[in-house]
């Protein structure tokens, strides 16, 4: 199974948030093996959000996924990140990482794949 399709299926199964807010998920893969899943959390503050350079006191999905691997495995260009954002009805929305998350991703040389409203390759 391609990593985009696999990520979408997992995100849809995890998308149980009942409020009007959207859910953002980040998946880190080594080849086709899923190593970590990150989710945004808008209900509690998290020191990881500040430690990894976030502008907001809430953890973002990309930083959550990176933090879950930090110190356990090398986080670098051999890994691939998939970023997905869904609404409560599992429709895909623009999932481009924010400026702070993107600077962390670029700093770690992580390739990241996300839906920007125009480009989407389900065959990746």
PDB file of N, CA and C in Angstrom:
ATOM      1  N   UNK A   1       0.848  -1.190   0.000  1.00  0.00           N
ATOM      2  CA  UNK A   1       0.000   0.000   0.000  1.00  0.00           C
ATOM      3  C   UNK A   1       0.890   1.249   0.000  1.00  0.00           C
ATOM      4  N   UNK A   2       0.534   2.207  -0.776  1.00  0.00           N
ATOM      5  CA  UNK A   2       1.297   3.448  -0.856  1.00  0.00           C
ATOM      6  C   UNK A   2       1.151   4.228   0.443  1.00  0.00           C
ATOM      7  N   UNK A   3       2.178   5.000   0.824  1.00  0.00           N
ATOM      8  CA  UNK A   3       2.154   5.658   2.132  1.00  0.00           C
ATOM      9  C   UNK A   3       1.081   6.742   2.233  1.00  0.00           C
ATOM     10  N   UNK A   4       0.746   7.399   1.135  1.00  0.00           N
ATOM     11  CA  UNK A   4      -0.315   8.410   1.184  1.00  0.00           C
ATOM     12  C   UNK A   4      -1.660   7.751   1.473  1.00  0.00           C
ATOM     13  N   UNK A   5      -1.973   6.707   0.724  1.00  0.00           N
ATOM     14  CA  UNK A   5      -3.236   6.001   0.915  1.00  0.00           C
ATOM     15  C   UNK A   5      -3.311   5.416   2.321  1.00  0.00           C
ATOM     16  N   UNK A   6      -2.219   4.810   2.770  1.00  0.00           N
ATOM     17  CA  UNK A   6      -2.167   4.243   4.121  1.00  0.00           C
ATOM     18  C   UNK A   6      -2.394   5.334   5.168  1.00  0.00           C
ATOM     19  N   UNK A   7      -1.751   6.486   4.983  1.00  0.00           N
ATOM     20  CA  UNK A   7      -1.891   7.598   5.934  1.00  0.00           C
ATOM     21  C   UNK A   7      -3.320   8.117   5.973  1.00  0.00           C
ATOM     22  N   UNK A   8      -3.938   8.243   4.808  1.00  0.00           N
ATOM     23  CA  UNK A   8      -5.324   8.736   4.754  1.00  0.00           C
ATOM     24  C   UNK A   8      -6.248   7.769   5.485  1.00  0.00           C
ATOM     25  N   UNK A   9      -6.086   6.475   5.256  1.00  0.00           N
ATOM     26  CA  UNK A   9      -6.939   5.487   5.916  1.00  0.00           C
ATOM     27  C   UNK A   9      -6.778   5.540   7.435  1.00  0.00           C
ATOM     28  N   UNK A  10      -5.549   5.671   7.913  1.00  0.00           N
ATOM     29  CA  UNK A  10      -5.308   5.753   9.361  1.00  0.00           C
ATOM     30  C   UNK A  10      -5.901   7.046   9.917  1.00  0.00           C
ATOM     31  N   UNK A  11      -5.682   8.155   9.219  1.00  0.00           N
ATOM     32  CA  UNK A  11      -6.215   9.445   9.682  1.00  0.00           C
ATOM     33  C   UNK A  11      -7.733   9.408   9.769  1.00  0.00           C
ATOM     34  N   UNK A  12      -8.375   8.817   8.774  1.00  0.00           N
ATOM     35  CA  UNK A  12      -9.840   8.723   8.795  1.00  0.00           C
ATOM     36  C   UNK A  12     -10.314   7.886   9.978  1.00  0.00           C
ATOM     37  N   UNK A  13      -9.574   6.829  10.308  1.00  0.00           N
ATOM     38  CA  UNK A  13      -9.977   5.994  11.440  1.00  0.00           C
ATOM     39  C   UNK A  13      -9.743   6.700  12.781  1.00  0.00           C
ATOM     40  N   UNK A  14      -8.775   7.619  12.830  1.00  0.00           N
ATOM     41  CA  UNK A  14      -8.478   8.356  14.062  1.00  0.00           C
ATOM     42  C   UNK A  14      -9.296   9.636  14.207  1.00  0.00           C
ATOM     43  N   UNK A  15      -9.956  10.035  13.158  1.00  0.00           N
ATOM     44  CA  UNK A  15     -10.675  11.317  13.144  1.00  0.00           C
ATOM     45  C   UNK A  15     -12.016  11.191  13.870  1.00  0.00           C
ATOM     46  N   UNK A  16     -11.938  11.170  15.191  1.00  0.00           N
ATOM     47  CA  UNK A  16     -13.151  11.021  15.996  1.00  0.00           C
ATOM     48  C   UNK A  16     -13.478  12.279  16.775  1.00  0.00           C
ATOM     49  N   UNK A  17     -12.801  13.350  16.473  1.00  0.00           N
ATOM     50  CA  UNK A  17     -13.008  14.617  17.161  1.00  0.00           C
ATOM     51  C   UNK A  17     -14.403  15.133  16.838  1.00  0.00           C
ATOM     52  N   UNK A  18     -15.243  15.315  17.818  1.00  0.00           N
ATOM     53  CA  UNK A  18     -16.650  15.632  17.572  1.00  0.00           C
ATOM     54  C   UNK A  18     -16.956  17.127  17.484  1.00  0.00           C
ATOM     55  N   UNK A  19     -15.993  17.980  17.784  1.00  0.00           N
ATOM     56  CA  UNK A  19     -16.266  19.419  17.700  1.00  0.00           C
ATOM     57  C   UNK A  19     -16.145  19.886  16.250  1.00  0.00           C
ATOM     58  N   UNK A  20     -16.260  21.177  16.044  1.00  0.00           N
ATOM     59  CA  UNK A  20     -16.163  21.740  14.699  1.00  0.00           C
ATOM     60  C   UNK A  20     -14.722  21.932  14.258  1.00  0.00           C
ATOM     61  N   UNK A  21     -13.773  21.652  15.147  1.00  0.00           N
ATOM     62  CA  UNK A  21     -12.373  21.832  14.793  1.00  0.00           C
ATOM     63  C   UNK A  21     -11.916  20.733  13.846  1.00  0.00           C
ATOM     64  N   UNK A  22     -10.842  21.016  13.137  1.00  0.00           N
ATOM     65  CA  UNK A  22     -10.278  20.054  12.200  1.00  0.00           C
ATOM     66  C   UNK A  22      -9.184  19.261  12.894  1.00  0.00           C
ATOM     67  N   UNK A  23      -8.887  18.111  12.368  1.00  0.00           N
ATOM     68  CA  UNK A  23      -7.818  17.276  12.886  1.00  0.00           C
ATOM     69  C   UNK A  23      -6.676  17.266  11.884  1.00  0.00           C
ATOM     70  N   UNK A  24      -5.493  17.402  12.405  1.00  0.00           N
ATOM     71  CA  UNK A  24      -4.286  17.414  11.588  1.00  0.00           C
ATOM     72  C   UNK A  24      -3.419  16.252  12.065  1.00  0.00           C
ATOM     73  N   UNK A  25      -2.952  15.442  11.129  1.00  0.00           N
ATOM     74  CA  UNK A  25      -2.147  14.269  11.435  1.00  0.00           C
ATOM     75  C   UNK A  25      -0.840  14.342  10.663  1.00  0.00           C
ATOM     76  N   UNK A  26       0.226  13.836  11.269  1.00  0.00           N
ATOM     77  CA  UNK A  26       1.522  13.722  10.590  1.00  0.00           C
ATOM     78  C   UNK A  26       2.031  12.300  10.805  1.00  0.00           C
ATOM     79  N   UNK A  27       2.511  11.701   9.748  1.00  0.00           N
ATOM     80  CA  UNK A  27       3.003  10.324   9.783  1.00  0.00           C
ATOM     81  C   UNK A  27       4.468  10.331   9.360  1.00  0.00           C
ATOM     82  N   UNK A  28       5.314   9.627  10.097  1.00  0.00           N
ATOM     83  CA  UNK A  28       6.721   9.492   9.731  1.00  0.00           C
ATOM     84  C   UNK A  28       6.993   8.048   9.330  1.00  0.00           C
ATOM     85  N   UNK A  29       7.574   7.895   8.147  1.00  0.00           N
ATOM     86  CA  UNK A  29       7.860   6.583   7.577  1.00  0.00           C
ATOM     87  C   UNK A  29       9.345   6.426   7.304  1.00  0.00           C
ATOM     88  N   UNK A  30       9.822   5.214   7.475  1.00  0.00           N
ATOM     89  CA  UNK A  30      11.124   4.803   6.970  1.00  0.00           C
ATOM     90  C   UNK A  30      10.810   3.758   5.909  1.00  0.00           C
ATOM     91  N   UNK A  31      11.065   4.101   4.671  1.00  0.00           N
ATOM     92  CA  UNK A  31      10.594   3.331   3.520  1.00  0.00           C
ATOM     93  C   UNK A  31       9.078   3.234   3.611  1.00  0.00           C
ATOM     94  N   UNK A  32       8.510   2.048   3.757  1.00  0.00           N
ATOM     95  CA  UNK A  32       7.058   1.917   3.883  1.00  0.00           C
ATOM     96  C   UNK A  32       6.618   1.575   5.298  1.00  0.00           C
ATOM     97  N   UNK A  33       7.562   1.607   6.241  1.00  0.00           N
ATOM     98  CA  UNK A  33       7.252   1.259   7.624  1.00  0.00           C
ATOM     99  C   UNK A  33       6.873   2.517   8.408  1.00  0.00           C
ATOM    100  N   UNK A  34       5.689   2.514   8.986  1.00  0.00           N
ATOM    101  CA  UNK A  34       5.224   3.634   9.790  1.00  0.00           C
ATOM    102  C   UNK A  34       5.940   3.610  11.136  1.00  0.00           C
ATOM    103  N   UNK A  35       6.619   4.722  11.483  1.00  0.00           N
ATOM    104  CA  UNK A  35       7.364   4.804  12.733  1.00  0.00           C
ATOM    105  C   UNK A  35       6.649   5.629  13.798  1.00  0.00           C
ATOM    106  N   UNK A  36       5.901   6.669  13.368  1.00  0.00           N
ATOM    107  CA  UNK A  36       5.255   7.538  14.356  1.00  0.00           C
ATOM    108  C   UNK A  36       4.063   8.249  13.732  1.00  0.00           C
ATOM    109  N   UNK A  37       3.075   8.508  14.581  1.00  0.00           N
ATOM    110  CA  UNK A  37       1.909   9.295  14.192  1.00  0.00           C
ATOM    111  C   UNK A  37       1.815  10.465  15.159  1.00  0.00           C
ATOM    112  N   UNK A  38       1.714  11.661  14.602  1.00  0.00           N
ATOM    113  CA  UNK A  38       1.522  12.853  15.424  1.00  0.00           C
ATOM    114  C   UNK A  38       0.146  13.439  15.169  1.00  0.00           C
ATOM    115  N   UNK A  39      -0.430  14.048  16.200  1.00  0.00           N
ATOM    116  CA  UNK A  39      -1.732  14.698  16.071  1.00  0.00           C
ATOM    117  C   UNK A  39      -1.664  16.059  16.738  1.00  0.00           C
ATOM    118  N   UNK A  40      -2.424  17.005  16.183  1.00  0.00           N
ATOM    119  CA  UNK A  40      -2.495  18.292  16.844  1.00  0.00           C
ATOM    120  C   UNK A  40      -3.343  18.150  18.101  1.00  0.00           C
ATOM    121  N   UNK A  41      -3.067  18.994  19.076  1.00  0.00           N
ATOM    122  CA  UNK A  41      -3.831  18.978  20.309  1.00  0.00           C
ATOM    123  C   UNK A  41      -4.083  20.423  20.705  1.00  0.00           C
ATOM    124  N   UNK A  42      -5.307  20.855  20.569  1.00  0.00           N
ATOM    125  CA  UNK A  42      -5.660  22.246  20.857  1.00  0.00           C
ATOM    126  C   UNK A  42      -6.279  22.424  22.229  1.00  0.00           C
ATOM    127  N   UNK A  43      -6.241  21.380  23.059  1.00  0.00           N
ATOM    128  CA  UNK A  43      -6.893  21.485  24.357  1.00  0.00           C
ATOM    129  C   UNK A  43      -5.920  21.668  25.513  1.00  0.00           C
ATOM    130  N   UNK A  44      -4.678  21.218  25.356  1.00  0.00           N
ATOM    131  CA  UNK A  44      -3.704  21.378  26.431  1.00  0.00           C
ATOM    132  C   UNK A  44      -2.400  21.917  25.864  1.00  0.00           C
ATOM    133  N   UNK A  45      -1.713  22.699  26.657  1.00  0.00           N
ATOM    134  CA  UNK A  45      -0.405  23.196  26.229  1.00  0.00           C
ATOM    135  C   UNK A  45       0.610  22.075  26.392  1.00  0.00           C
ATOM    136  N   UNK A  46       1.696  22.182  25.661  1.00  0.00           N
ATOM    137  CA  UNK A  46       2.692  21.132  25.680  1.00  0.00           C
ATOM    138  C   UNK A  46       4.077  21.754  25.548  1.00  0.00           C
ATOM    139  N   UNK A  47       5.002  21.437  26.456  1.00  0.00           N
ATOM    140  CA  UNK A  47       6.348  22.028  26.370  1.00  0.00           C
ATOM    141  C   UNK A  47       7.092  21.645  25.104  1.00  0.00           C
ATOM    142  N   UNK A  48       6.723  20.503  24.465  1.00  0.00           N
ATOM    143  CA  UNK A  48       7.383  20.109  23.209  1.00  0.00           C
ATOM    144  C   UNK A  48       7.129  21.147  22.129  1.00  0.00           C
ATOM    145  N   UNK A  49       5.978  21.810  22.176  1.00  0.00           N
ATOM    146  CA  UNK A  49       5.652  22.820  21.163  1.00  0.00           C
ATOM    147  C   UNK A  49       6.644  23.969  21.225  1.00  0.00           C
ATOM    148  N   UNK A  50       7.053  24.352  22.421  1.00  0.00           N
ATOM    149  CA  UNK A  50       8.025  25.437  22.587  1.00  0.00           C
ATOM    150  C   UNK A  50       9.437  24.917  22.323  1.00  0.00           C
ATOM    151  N   UNK A  51       9.764  23.737  22.833  1.00  0.00           N
ATOM    152  CA  UNK A  51      11.116  23.195  22.708  1.00  0.00           C
ATOM    153  C   UNK A  51      11.527  23.019  21.255  1.00  0.00           C
ATOM    154  N   UNK A  52      10.616  22.623  20.401  1.00  0.00           N
ATOM    155  CA  UNK A  52      10.946  22.399  18.997  1.00  0.00           C
ATOM    156  C   UNK A  52      10.672  23.631  18.139  1.00  0.00           C
ATOM    157  N   UNK A  53      10.527  24.797  18.754  1.00  0.00           N
ATOM    158  CA  UNK A  53      10.448  26.029  17.987  1.00  0.00           C
ATOM    159  C   UNK A  53       9.067  26.465  17.574  1.00  0.00           C
ATOM    160  N   UNK A  54       8.029  25.953  18.188  1.00  0.00           N
ATOM    161  CA  UNK A  54       6.676  26.344  17.818  1.00  0.00           C
ATOM    162  C   UNK A  54       6.317  27.741  18.289  1.00  0.00           C
ATOM    163  N   UNK A  55       5.504  28.434  17.514  1.00  0.00           N
ATOM    164  CA  UNK A  55       5.044  29.763  17.884  1.00  0.00           C
ATOM    165  C   UNK A  55       3.824  29.711  18.789  1.00  0.00           C
ATOM    166  N   UNK A  56       3.217  28.553  18.904  1.00  0.00           N
ATOM    167  CA  UNK A  56       1.971  28.412  19.644  1.00  0.00           C
ATOM    168  C   UNK A  56       2.191  27.448  20.797  1.00  0.00           C
ATOM    169  N   UNK A  57       1.464  27.604  21.895  1.00  0.00           N
ATOM    170  CA  UNK A  57       1.692  26.722  23.044  1.00  0.00           C
ATOM    171  C   UNK A  57       1.067  25.346  22.891  1.00  0.00           C
ATOM    172  N   UNK A  58       0.466  25.072  21.743  1.00  0.00           N
ATOM    173  CA  UNK A  58      -0.164  23.786  21.514  1.00  0.00           C
ATOM    174  C   UNK A  58       0.684  22.971  20.553  1.00  0.00           C
ATOM    175  N   UNK A  59       0.689  21.678  20.775  1.00  0.00           N
ATOM    176  CA  UNK A  59       1.498  20.807  19.931  1.00  0.00           C
ATOM    177  C   UNK A  59       0.862  20.677  18.548  1.00  0.00           C
ATOM    178  N   UNK A  60       1.679  20.776  17.536  1.00  0.00           N
ATOM    179  CA  UNK A  60       1.242  20.562  16.160  1.00  0.00           C
ATOM    180  C   UNK A  60       1.568  19.124  15.778  1.00  0.00           C
ATOM    181  N   UNK A  61       0.832  18.588  14.830  1.00  0.00           N
ATOM    182  CA  UNK A  61       0.986  17.185  14.440  1.00  0.00           C
ATOM    183  C   UNK A  61       2.416  16.860  14.003  1.00  0.00           C
ATOM    184  N   UNK A  62       3.019  17.743  13.216  1.00  0.00           N
ATOM    185  CA  UNK A  62       4.368  17.487  12.709  1.00  0.00           C
ATOM    186  C   UNK A  62       5.376  17.400  13.861  1.00  0.00           C
ATOM    187  N   UNK A  63       5.292  18.321  14.793  1.00  0.00           N
ATOM    188  CA  UNK A  63       6.217  18.339  15.926  1.00  0.00           C
ATOM    189  C   UNK A  63       5.955  17.153  16.846  1.00  0.00           C
ATOM    190  N   UNK A  64       4.693  16.788  17.011  1.00  0.00           N
ATOM    191  CA  UNK A  64       4.349  15.633  17.839  1.00  0.00           C
ATOM    192  C   UNK A  64       4.977  14.362  17.267  1.00  0.00           C
ATOM    193  N   UNK A  65       4.891  14.172  15.961  1.00  0.00           N
ATOM    194  CA  UNK A  65       5.482  12.984  15.326  1.00  0.00           C
ATOM    195  C   UNK A  65       7.002  12.981  15.487  1.00  0.00           C
ATOM    196  N   UNK A  66       7.634  14.117  15.253  1.00  0.00           N
ATOM    197  CA  UNK A  66       9.098  14.221  15.390  1.00  0.00           C
ATOM    198  C   UNK A  66       9.510  13.945  16.834  1.00  0.00           C
ATOM    199  N   UNK A  67       8.790  14.528  17.788  1.00  0.00           N
ATOM    200  CA  UNK A  67       9.127  14.363  19.209  1.00  0.00           C
ATOM    201  C   UNK A  67       9.005  12.902  19.650  1.00  0.00           C
ATOM    202  N   UNK A  68       8.079  12.167  19.060  1.00  0.00           N
ATOM    203  CA  UNK A  68       7.910  10.761  19.429  1.00  0.00           C
ATOM    204  C   UNK A  68       9.115   9.917  19.021  1.00  0.00           C
ATOM    205  N   UNK A  69       9.839  10.342  17.987  1.00  0.00           N
ATOM    206  CA  UNK A  69      11.028   9.601  17.547  1.00  0.00           C
ATOM    207  C   UNK A  69      12.326  10.178  18.098  1.00  0.00           C
ATOM    208  N   UNK A  70      12.278  11.419  18.574  1.00  0.00           N
ATOM    209  CA  UNK A  70      13.479  12.119  19.012  1.00  0.00           C
ATOM    210  C   UNK A  70      14.202  11.331  20.088  1.00  0.00           C
ATOM    211  N   UNK A  71      15.476  11.041  19.870  1.00  0.00           N
ATOM    212  CA  UNK A  71      16.282  10.309  20.832  1.00  0.00           C
ATOM    213  C   UNK A  71      16.181   8.795  20.676  1.00  0.00           C
ATOM    214  N   UNK A  72      15.221   8.313  19.898  1.00  0.00           N
ATOM    215  CA  UNK A  72      15.063   6.875  19.672  1.00  0.00           C
ATOM    216  C   UNK A  72      15.629   6.450  18.331  1.00  0.00           C
ATOM    217  N   UNK A  73      15.557   7.336  17.359  1.00  0.00           N
ATOM    218  CA  UNK A  73      16.054   7.034  16.015  1.00  0.00           C
ATOM    219  C   UNK A  73      16.532   8.333  15.377  1.00  0.00           C
ATOM    220  N   UNK A  74      17.345   8.222  14.347  1.00  0.00           N
ATOM    221  CA  UNK A  74      17.834   9.413  13.658  1.00  0.00           C
ATOM    222  C   UNK A  74      16.704  10.010  12.833  1.00  0.00           C
ATOM    223  N   UNK A  75      16.374  11.257  13.115  1.00  0.00           N
ATOM    224  CA  UNK A  75      15.329  11.950  12.365  1.00  0.00           C
ATOM    225  C   UNK A  75      16.025  12.787  11.299  1.00  0.00           C
ATOM    226  N   UNK A  76      15.924  12.339  10.068  1.00  0.00           N
ATOM    227  CA  UNK A  76      16.617  13.023   8.982  1.00  0.00           C
ATOM    228  C   UNK A  76      16.050  12.656   7.632  1.00  0.00           C
ATOM    229  N   UNK A  77      16.841  12.877   6.591  1.00  0.00           N
ATOM    230  CA  UNK A  77      16.346  12.771   5.218  1.00  0.00           C
ATOM    231  C   UNK A  77      15.916  11.373   4.766  1.00  0.00           C
ATOM    232  N   UNK A  78      16.271  10.322   5.501  1.00  0.00           N
ATOM    233  CA  UNK A  78      15.823   8.983   5.106  1.00  0.00           C
ATOM    234  C   UNK A  78      14.364   8.746   5.479  1.00  0.00           C
ATOM    235  N   UNK A  79      13.846   9.542   6.379  1.00  0.00           N
ATOM    236  CA  UNK A  79      12.445   9.433   6.762  1.00  0.00           C
ATOM    237  C   UNK A  79      11.596  10.276   5.816  1.00  0.00           C
ATOM    238  N   UNK A  80      10.310   9.937   5.708  1.00  0.00           N
ATOM    239  CA  UNK A  80       9.362  10.741   4.934  1.00  0.00           C
ATOM    240  C   UNK A  80       8.183  11.085   5.831  1.00  0.00           C
ATOM    241  N   UNK A  81       7.725  12.316   5.718  1.00  0.00           N
ATOM    242  CA  UNK A  81       6.580  12.756   6.500  1.00  0.00           C
ATOM    243  C   UNK A  81       5.393  12.983   5.574  1.00  0.00           C
ATOM    244  N   UNK A  82       4.235  12.521   6.018  1.00  0.00           N
ATOM    245  CA  UNK A  82       2.981  12.778   5.317  1.00  0.00           C
ATOM    246  C   UNK A  82       2.119  13.595   6.273  1.00  0.00           C
ATOM    247  N   UNK A  83       1.613  14.722   5.795  1.00  0.00           N
ATOM    248  CA  UNK A  83       0.775  15.615   6.603  1.00  0.00           C
ATOM    249  C   UNK A  83      -0.631  15.619   6.015  1.00  0.00           C
ATOM    250  N   UNK A  84      -1.619  15.322   6.863  1.00  0.00           N
ATOM    251  CA  UNK A  84      -3.013  15.236   6.417  1.00  0.00           C
ATOM    252  C   UNK A  84      -3.894  15.998   7.397  1.00  0.00           C
ATOM    253  N   UNK A  85      -4.837  16.765   6.856  1.00  0.00           N
ATOM    254  CA  UNK A  85      -5.814  17.463   7.700  1.00  0.00           C
ATOM    255  C   UNK A  85      -7.205  17.116   7.186  1.00  0.00           C
ATOM    256  N   UNK A  86      -8.060  16.733   8.110  1.00  0.00           N
ATOM    257  CA  UNK A  86      -9.421  16.323   7.769  1.00  0.00           C
ATOM    258  C   UNK A  86     -10.432  17.165   8.524  1.00  0.00           C
ATOM    259  N   UNK A  87     -11.591  17.355   7.925  1.00  0.00           N
ATOM    260  CA  UNK A  87     -12.687  17.976   8.659  1.00  0.00           C
ATOM    261  C   UNK A  87     -13.466  16.858   9.358  1.00  0.00           C
ATOM    262  N   UNK A  88     -14.478  17.187  10.156  1.00  0.00           N
ATOM    263  CA  UNK A  88     -15.213  16.135  10.878  1.00  0.00           C
ATOM    264  C   UNK A  88     -15.888  15.094   9.986  1.00  0.00           C
ATOM    265  N   UNK A  89     -16.063  15.399   8.696  1.00  0.00           N
ATOM    266  CA  UNK A  89     -16.670  14.439   7.772  1.00  0.00           C
ATOM    267  C   UNK A  89     -15.626  13.717   6.926  1.00  0.00           C
ATOM    268  N   UNK A  90     -14.372  13.766   7.354  1.00  0.00           N
ATOM    269  CA  UNK A  90     -13.245  13.111   6.682  1.00  0.00           C
ATOM    270  C   UNK A  90     -12.953  13.647   5.288  1.00  0.00           C
ATOM    271  N   UNK A  91     -13.274  14.901   5.034  1.00  0.00           N
ATOM    272  CA  UNK A  91     -12.877  15.528   3.772  1.00  0.00           C
ATOM    273  C   UNK A  91     -11.484  16.117   3.971  1.00  0.00           C
ATOM    274  N   UNK A  92     -10.639  15.933   2.955  1.00  0.00           N
ATOM    275  CA  UNK A  92      -9.279  16.466   3.056  1.00  0.00           C
ATOM    276  C   UNK A  92      -9.283  17.976   2.890  1.00  0.00           C
ATOM    277  N   UNK A  93      -8.489  18.628   3.720  1.00  0.00           N
ATOM    278  CA  UNK A  93      -8.313  20.076   3.685  1.00  0.00           C
ATOM    279  C   UNK A  93      -6.845  20.378   3.485  1.00  0.00           C
ATOM    280  N   UNK A  94      -6.530  21.620   3.201  1.00  0.00           N
ATOM    281  CA  UNK A  94      -5.133  22.024   3.038  1.00  0.00           C
ATOM    282  C   UNK A  94      -4.370  21.642   4.305  1.00  0.00           C
ATOM    283  N   UNK A  95      -3.264  20.956   4.132  1.00  0.00           N
ATOM    284  CA  UNK A  95      -2.514  20.454   5.284  1.00  0.00           C
ATOM    285  C   UNK A  95      -1.061  20.906   5.290  1.00  0.00           C
ATOM    286  N   UNK A  96      -0.775  21.974   4.581  1.00  0.00           N
ATOM    287  CA  UNK A  96       0.595  22.491   4.559  1.00  0.00           C
ATOM    288  C   UNK A  96       1.016  22.872   5.979  1.00  0.00           C
ATOM    289  N   UNK A  97       2.187  22.397   6.419  1.00  0.00           N
ATOM    290  CA  UNK A  97       2.654  22.744   7.758  1.00  0.00           C
ATOM    291  C   UNK A  97       2.828  24.257   7.927  1.00  0.00           C
ATOM    292  N   UNK A  98       2.630  24.726   9.159  1.00  0.00           N
ATOM    293  CA  UNK A  98       2.807  26.152   9.444  1.00  0.00           C
ATOM    294  C   UNK A  98       4.286  26.526   9.280  1.00  0.00           C
ATOM    295  N   UNK A  99       4.566  27.810   9.342  1.00  0.00           N
ATOM    296  CA  UNK A  99       5.932  28.319   9.143  1.00  0.00           C
ATOM    297  C   UNK A  99       6.907  27.720  10.166  1.00  0.00           C
ATOM    298  N   UNK A 100       6.500  27.645  11.421  1.00  0.00           N
ATOM    299  CA  UNK A 100       7.382  27.101  12.463  1.00  0.00           C
ATOM    300  C   UNK A 100       7.659  25.619  12.251  1.00  0.00           C
ATOM    301  N   UNK A 101       6.608  24.864  11.959  1.00  0.00           N
ATOM    302  CA  UNK A 101       6.797  23.429  11.713  1.00  0.00           C
ATOM    303  C   UNK A 101       7.647  23.210  10.469  1.00  0.00           C
ATOM    304  N   UNK A 102       7.397  23.998   9.440  1.00  0.00           N
ATOM    305  CA  UNK A 102       8.154  23.838   8.202  1.00  0.00           C
ATOM    306  C   UNK A 102       9.629  24.151   8.420  1.00  0.00           C
ATOM    307  N   UNK A 103       9.948  25.126   9.260  1.00  0.00           N
ATOM    308  CA  UNK A 103      11.366  25.421   9.509  1.00  0.00           C
ATOM    309  C   UNK A 103      12.032  24.249  10.235  1.00  0.00           C
ATOM    310  N   UNK A 104      11.312  23.577  11.138  1.00  0.00           N
ATOM    311  CA  UNK A 104      11.857  22.395  11.803  1.00  0.00           C
ATOM    312  C   UNK A 104      12.041  21.262  10.803  1.00  0.00           C
ATOM    313  N   UNK A 105      11.049  21.042   9.953  1.00  0.00           N
ATOM    314  CA  UNK A 105      11.107  19.984   8.941  1.00  0.00           C
ATOM    315  C   UNK A 105      12.276  20.218   7.982  1.00  0.00           C
ATOM    316  N   UNK A 106      12.428  21.443   7.522  1.00  0.00           N
ATOM    317  CA  UNK A 106      13.531  21.789   6.616  1.00  0.00           C
ATOM    318  C   UNK A 106      14.869  21.633   7.331  1.00  0.00           C
ATOM    319  N   UNK A 107      14.930  22.052   8.590  1.00  0.00           N
ATOM    320  CA  UNK A 107      16.167  21.933   9.371  1.00  0.00           C
ATOM    321  C   UNK A 107      16.609  20.488   9.544  1.00  0.00           C
ATOM    322  N   UNK A 108      15.660  19.584   9.593  1.00  0.00           N
ATOM    323  CA  UNK A 108      15.966  18.160   9.732  1.00  0.00           C
ATOM    324  C   UNK A 108      16.092  17.461   8.376  1.00  0.00           C
ATOM    325  N   UNK A 109      15.907  18.198   7.294  1.00  0.00           N
ATOM    326  CA  UNK A 109      15.961  17.666   5.915  1.00  0.00           C
ATOM    327  C   UNK A 109      14.948  16.546   5.679  1.00  0.00           C
ATOM    328  N   UNK A 110      13.780  16.680   6.288  1.00  0.00           N
ATOM    329  CA  UNK A 110      12.724  15.678   6.106  1.00  0.00           C
ATOM    330  C   UNK A 110      11.926  15.990   4.848  1.00  0.00           C
ATOM    331  N   UNK A 111      11.784  15.043   3.951  1.00  0.00           N
ATOM    332  CA  UNK A 111      10.846  15.262   2.855  1.00  0.00           C
ATOM    333  C   UNK A 111       9.427  15.215   3.436  1.00  0.00           C
ATOM    334  N   UNK A 112       8.579  16.160   3.058  1.00  0.00           N
ATOM    335  CA  UNK A 112       7.208  16.190   3.576  1.00  0.00           C
ATOM    336  C   UNK A 112       6.242  16.259   2.408  1.00  0.00           C
ATOM    337  N   UNK A 113       5.173  15.473   2.501  1.00  0.00           N
ATOM    338  CA  UNK A 113       4.148  15.435   1.472  1.00  0.00           C
ATOM    339  C   UNK A 113       2.842  15.890   2.105  1.00  0.00           C
ATOM    340  N   UNK A 114       2.187  16.848   1.478  1.00  0.00           N
ATOM    341  CA  UNK A 114       0.957  17.389   2.039  1.00  0.00           C
ATOM    342  C   UNK A 114       0.035  17.829   0.914  1.00  0.00           C
ATOM    343  N   UNK A 115      -1.233  17.971   1.254  1.00  0.00           N
ATOM    344  CA  UNK A 115      -2.243  18.424   0.310  1.00  0.00           C
ATOM    345  C   UNK A 115      -2.364  19.934   0.441  1.00  0.00           C
ATOM    346  N   UNK A 116      -2.205  20.651  -0.661  1.00  0.00           N
ATOM    347  CA  UNK A 116      -2.258  22.107  -0.617  1.00  0.00           C
ATOM    348  C   UNK A 116      -3.498  22.677  -1.309  1.00  0.00           C
ATOM    349  N   UNK A 117      -4.450  21.825  -1.619  1.00  0.00           N
ATOM    350  CA  UNK A 117      -5.657  22.285  -2.288  1.00  0.00           C
ATOM    351  C   UNK A 117      -5.573  22.145  -3.802  1.00  0.00           C
ATOM    352  N   UNK A 118      -4.368  21.965  -4.326  1.00  0.00           N
ATOM    353  CA  UNK A 118      -4.166  21.835  -5.764  1.00  0.00           C
ATOM    354  C   UNK A 118      -3.478  20.525  -6.105  1.00  0.00           C
ATOM    355  N   UNK A 119      -2.397  20.250  -5.383  1.00  0.00           N
ATOM    356  CA  UNK A 119      -1.574  19.086  -5.723  1.00  0.00           C
ATOM    357  C   UNK A 119      -1.808  17.968  -4.730  1.00  0.00           C
ATOM    358  N   UNK A 120      -2.037  16.802  -5.268  1.00  0.00           N
ATOM    359  CA  UNK A 120      -2.247  15.642  -4.412  1.00  0.00           C
ATOM    360  C   UNK A 120      -1.948  14.392  -5.213  1.00  0.00           C
ATOM    361  N   UNK A 121      -0.974  13.639  -4.775  1.00  0.00           N
ATOM    362  CA  UNK A 121      -0.582  12.435  -5.491  1.00  0.00           C
ATOM    363  C   UNK A 121      -0.857  11.220  -4.600  1.00  0.00           C
ATOM    364  N   UNK A 122      -1.953  10.543  -4.835  1.00  0.00           N
ATOM    365  CA  UNK A 122      -2.341   9.390  -4.031  1.00  0.00           C
ATOM    366  C   UNK A 122      -1.460   8.180  -4.332  1.00  0.00           C
ATOM    367  N   UNK A 123      -0.632   8.258  -5.370  1.00  0.00           N
ATOM    368  CA  UNK A 123       0.204   7.124  -5.747  1.00  0.00           C
ATOM    369  C   UNK A 123       1.577   7.117  -5.094  1.00  0.00           C
ATOM    370  N   UNK A 124       1.839   8.066  -4.230  1.00  0.00           N
ATOM    371  CA  UNK A 124       3.147   8.148  -3.586  1.00  0.00           C
ATOM    372  C   UNK A 124       3.331   6.987  -2.612  1.00  0.00           C
TER     373      UNK A 124
END
